[in-house]
């Protein structure tokens, strides 16, 4: 019973940072600013680090913290994708390589993250 209480406490503590990540994922790519995204990810990471050791020992925390860390480590690709040098024809190729069927104007930061854009840096740079 104590374990269930602890799990509930873990989820209630990581819920706010998780919701903030969800808000970041919903940001339209057209209006996204990589600097602000990085700043928000860093804020989430700081919020996670302030949680007690009791909470930090659970897999739910570890998994979420690793997700945020991976997004920060690979964040530079978002800067590269936001450059003015990428034209519509480039985006058509990028979206097809990432298997994204969403039109560019409806693209969100989350759809890029979920499609693995951050881990396919080499492929994207070839375009």
C-alpha atoms as a PDB file:
ATOM      1  CA  UNK A   1       0.000   0.000   0.000  1.00  0.00           C
ATOM      2  CA  UNK A   2       2.875   2.337   0.771  1.00  0.00           C
ATOM      3  CA  UNK A   3       4.336   1.633  -2.658  1.00  0.00           C
ATOM      4  CA  UNK A   4       1.089   2.732  -4.318  1.00  0.00           C
ATOM      5  CA  UNK A   5       1.048   5.916  -2.262  1.00  0.00           C
ATOM      6  CA  UNK A   6       4.636   6.616  -3.310  1.00  0.00           C
ATOM      7  CA  UNK A   7       3.820   6.008  -6.980  1.00  0.00           C
ATOM      8  CA  UNK A   8       0.895   8.384  -6.750  1.00  0.00           C
ATOM      9  CA  UNK A   9       3.220  10.986  -5.218  1.00  0.00           C
ATOM     10  CA  UNK A  10       5.740  10.482  -8.051  1.00  0.00           C
ATOM     11  CA  UNK A  11       3.102  10.964 -10.731  1.00  0.00           C
ATOM     12  CA  UNK A  12       1.630  14.006  -9.037  1.00  0.00           C
ATOM     13  CA  UNK A  13       5.101  15.570  -8.834  1.00  0.00           C
ATOM     14  CA  UNK A  14       6.103  14.938 -12.438  1.00  0.00           C
ATOM     15  CA  UNK A  15       2.675  15.819 -13.813  1.00  0.00           C
ATOM     16  CA  UNK A  16       3.338  19.571 -14.013  1.00  0.00           C
ATOM     17  CA  UNK A  17       6.622  19.200 -15.956  1.00  0.00           C
ATOM     18  CA  UNK A  18       4.929  16.591 -18.152  1.00  0.00           C
ATOM     19  CA  UNK A  19       2.103  19.006 -18.953  1.00  0.00           C
ATOM     20  CA  UNK A  20       4.676  21.703 -19.818  1.00  0.00           C
ATOM     21  CA  UNK A  21       6.317  19.293 -22.256  1.00  0.00           C
ATOM     22  CA  UNK A  22       2.883  18.617 -23.754  1.00  0.00           C
ATOM     23  CA  UNK A  23       2.396  22.347 -24.266  1.00  0.00           C
ATOM     24  CA  UNK A  24       5.769  22.558 -26.016  1.00  0.00           C
ATOM     25  CA  UNK A  25       4.789  19.711 -28.318  1.00  0.00           C
ATOM     26  CA  UNK A  26       1.671  21.611 -29.384  1.00  0.00           C
ATOM     27  CA  UNK A  27       3.599  24.725 -30.474  1.00  0.00           C
ATOM     28  CA  UNK A  28       3.137  25.341 -34.190  1.00  0.00           C
ATOM     29  CA  UNK A  29       6.417  24.975 -36.057  1.00  0.00           C
ATOM     30  CA  UNK A  30       5.802  28.198 -37.996  1.00  0.00           C
ATOM     31  CA  UNK A  31       5.747  30.206 -34.766  1.00  0.00           C
ATOM     32  CA  UNK A  32       8.287  28.142 -32.812  1.00  0.00           C
ATOM     33  CA  UNK A  33      11.486  29.744 -31.580  1.00  0.00           C
ATOM     34  CA  UNK A  34      14.258  27.211 -30.893  1.00  0.00           C
ATOM     35  CA  UNK A  35      15.747  29.444 -28.195  1.00  0.00           C
ATOM     36  CA  UNK A  36      12.437  29.545 -26.287  1.00  0.00           C
ATOM     37  CA  UNK A  37      11.971  25.794 -26.701  1.00  0.00           C
ATOM     38  CA  UNK A  38      15.438  25.159 -25.292  1.00  0.00           C
ATOM     39  CA  UNK A  39      14.746  27.523 -22.408  1.00  0.00           C
ATOM     40  CA  UNK A  40      11.467  25.751 -21.612  1.00  0.00           C
ATOM     41  CA  UNK A  41      13.182  22.342 -21.749  1.00  0.00           C
ATOM     42  CA  UNK A  42      15.880  23.605 -19.382  1.00  0.00           C
ATOM     43  CA  UNK A  43      13.188  24.875 -17.002  1.00  0.00           C
ATOM     44  CA  UNK A  44      11.557  21.439 -17.035  1.00  0.00           C
ATOM     45  CA  UNK A  45      14.929  19.828 -16.357  1.00  0.00           C
ATOM     46  CA  UNK A  46      15.560  22.181 -13.421  1.00  0.00           C
ATOM     47  CA  UNK A  47      12.090  21.450 -12.032  1.00  0.00           C
ATOM     48  CA  UNK A  48      12.812  17.729 -12.211  1.00  0.00           C
ATOM     49  CA  UNK A  49      16.150  18.143 -10.463  1.00  0.00           C
ATOM     50  CA  UNK A  50      14.488  19.898  -7.541  1.00  0.00           C
ATOM     51  CA  UNK A  51      12.334  16.871  -6.753  1.00  0.00           C
ATOM     52  CA  UNK A  52      13.271  14.768  -3.727  1.00  0.00           C
ATOM     53  CA  UNK A  53      15.528  11.722  -3.974  1.00  0.00           C
ATOM     54  CA  UNK A  54      12.585   9.556  -2.992  1.00  0.00           C
ATOM     55  CA  UNK A  55      10.787  10.580  -6.178  1.00  0.00           C
ATOM     56  CA  UNK A  56      13.915  10.485  -8.325  1.00  0.00           C
ATOM     57  CA  UNK A  57      14.463   6.775  -7.651  1.00  0.00           C
ATOM     58  CA  UNK A  58      11.364   5.711  -9.588  1.00  0.00           C
ATOM     59  CA  UNK A  59      11.451   4.628 -13.224  1.00  0.00           C
ATOM     60  CA  UNK A  60       8.734   7.111 -14.183  1.00  0.00           C
ATOM     61  CA  UNK A  61      10.996   9.959 -13.104  1.00  0.00           C
ATOM     62  CA  UNK A  62      14.086   8.448 -14.712  1.00  0.00           C
ATOM     63  CA  UNK A  63      12.351   7.845 -18.029  1.00  0.00           C
ATOM     64  CA  UNK A  64      10.927  11.364 -18.152  1.00  0.00           C
ATOM     65  CA  UNK A  65      14.234  12.968 -17.117  1.00  0.00           C
ATOM     66  CA  UNK A  66      16.037  10.968 -19.835  1.00  0.00           C
ATOM     67  CA  UNK A  67      13.494  12.139 -22.414  1.00  0.00           C
ATOM     68  CA  UNK A  68      14.106  15.787 -21.501  1.00  0.00           C
ATOM     69  CA  UNK A  69      17.865  15.234 -21.539  1.00  0.00           C
ATOM     70  CA  UNK A  70      17.711  13.662 -25.023  1.00  0.00           C
ATOM     71  CA  UNK A  71      15.613  16.556 -26.335  1.00  0.00           C
ATOM     72  CA  UNK A  72      18.189  19.021 -25.007  1.00  0.00           C
ATOM     73  CA  UNK A  73      21.202  17.098 -26.309  1.00  0.00           C
ATOM     74  CA  UNK A  74      19.749  16.920 -29.813  1.00  0.00           C
ATOM     75  CA  UNK A  75      18.210  20.393 -29.784  1.00  0.00           C
ATOM     76  CA  UNK A  76      20.646  21.815 -32.341  1.00  0.00           C
ATOM     77  CA  UNK A  77      18.748  20.098 -35.156  1.00  0.00           C
ATOM     78  CA  UNK A  78      15.760  22.356 -34.421  1.00  0.00           C
ATOM     79  CA  UNK A  79      17.983  25.374 -35.011  1.00  0.00           C
ATOM     80  CA  UNK A  80      19.101  23.849 -38.290  1.00  0.00           C
ATOM     81  CA  UNK A  81      15.509  23.168 -39.341  1.00  0.00           C
ATOM     82  CA  UNK A  82      14.464  26.715 -38.530  1.00  0.00           C
ATOM     83  CA  UNK A  83      16.923  28.312 -40.967  1.00  0.00           C
ATOM     84  CA  UNK A  84      15.603  30.482 -43.785  1.00  0.00           C
ATOM     85  CA  UNK A  85      17.694  28.473 -46.245  1.00  0.00           C
ATOM     86  CA  UNK A  86      15.141  25.648 -46.128  1.00  0.00           C
ATOM     87  CA  UNK A  87      12.516  26.243 -48.775  1.00  0.00           C
ATOM     88  CA  UNK A  88       9.203  24.483 -49.408  1.00  0.00           C
ATOM     89  CA  UNK A  89      10.871  21.895 -51.639  1.00  0.00           C
ATOM     90  CA  UNK A  90      13.302  21.024 -48.841  1.00  0.00           C
ATOM     91  CA  UNK A  91      10.467  20.651 -46.367  1.00  0.00           C
ATOM     92  CA  UNK A  92       8.629  18.271 -48.690  1.00  0.00           C
ATOM     93  CA  UNK A  93      11.703  16.033 -48.722  1.00  0.00           C
ATOM     94  CA  UNK A  94      12.237  16.310 -44.950  1.00  0.00           C
ATOM     95  CA  UNK A  95       8.622  15.487 -44.187  1.00  0.00           C
ATOM     96  CA  UNK A  96       8.650  12.499 -46.520  1.00  0.00           C
ATOM     97  CA  UNK A  97      11.894  11.158 -44.985  1.00  0.00           C
ATOM     98  CA  UNK A  98      10.361  11.504 -41.528  1.00  0.00           C
ATOM     99  CA  UNK A  99       7.097   9.898 -42.723  1.00  0.00           C
ATOM    100  CA  UNK A 100       5.098  12.935 -41.640  1.00  0.00           C
ATOM    101  CA  UNK A 101       1.879  13.367 -43.588  1.00  0.00           C
ATOM    102  CA  UNK A 102       0.893  16.595 -41.850  1.00  0.00           C
ATOM    103  CA  UNK A 103       1.162  19.636 -44.132  1.00  0.00           C
ATOM    104  CA  UNK A 104       3.972  22.047 -43.274  1.00  0.00           C
ATOM    105  CA  UNK A 105       1.572  24.782 -42.120  1.00  0.00           C
ATOM    106  CA  UNK A 106       0.046  22.370 -39.554  1.00  0.00           C
ATOM    107  CA  UNK A 107       3.389  21.016 -38.343  1.00  0.00           C
ATOM    108  CA  UNK A 108       4.087  21.130 -34.603  1.00  0.00           C
ATOM    109  CA  UNK A 109       7.286  20.773 -32.601  1.00  0.00           C
ATOM    110  CA  UNK A 110       5.887  17.544 -31.173  1.00  0.00           C
ATOM    111  CA  UNK A 111       5.300  16.027 -34.589  1.00  0.00           C
ATOM    112  CA  UNK A 112       8.975  16.611 -35.430  1.00  0.00           C
ATOM    113  CA  UNK A 113      10.093  15.128 -32.102  1.00  0.00           C
ATOM    114  CA  UNK A 114       7.751  12.149 -32.405  1.00  0.00           C
ATOM    115  CA  UNK A 115       8.913  11.419 -35.957  1.00  0.00           C
ATOM    116  CA  UNK A 116      12.501  11.163 -34.764  1.00  0.00           C
ATOM    117  CA  UNK A 117      13.838  14.340 -36.365  1.00  0.00           C
ATOM    118  CA  UNK A 118      16.323  14.781 -33.540  1.00  0.00           C
ATOM    119  CA  UNK A 119      17.914  11.390 -34.061  1.00  0.00           C
ATOM    120  CA  UNK A 120      18.106  11.632 -37.857  1.00  0.00           C
ATOM    121  CA  UNK A 121      20.415  14.594 -38.047  1.00  0.00           C
ATOM    122  CA  UNK A 122      22.650  13.110 -40.751  1.00  0.00           C
ATOM    123  CA  UNK A 123      19.727  12.427 -43.094  1.00  0.00           C
ATOM    124  CA  UNK A 124      18.353  15.918 -42.624  1.00  0.00           C
ATOM    125  CA  UNK A 125      21.725  17.564 -43.205  1.00  0.00           C
ATOM    126  CA  UNK A 126      22.026  15.736 -46.529  1.00  0.00           C
ATOM    127  CA  UNK A 127      19.005  17.696 -47.766  1.00  0.00           C
END
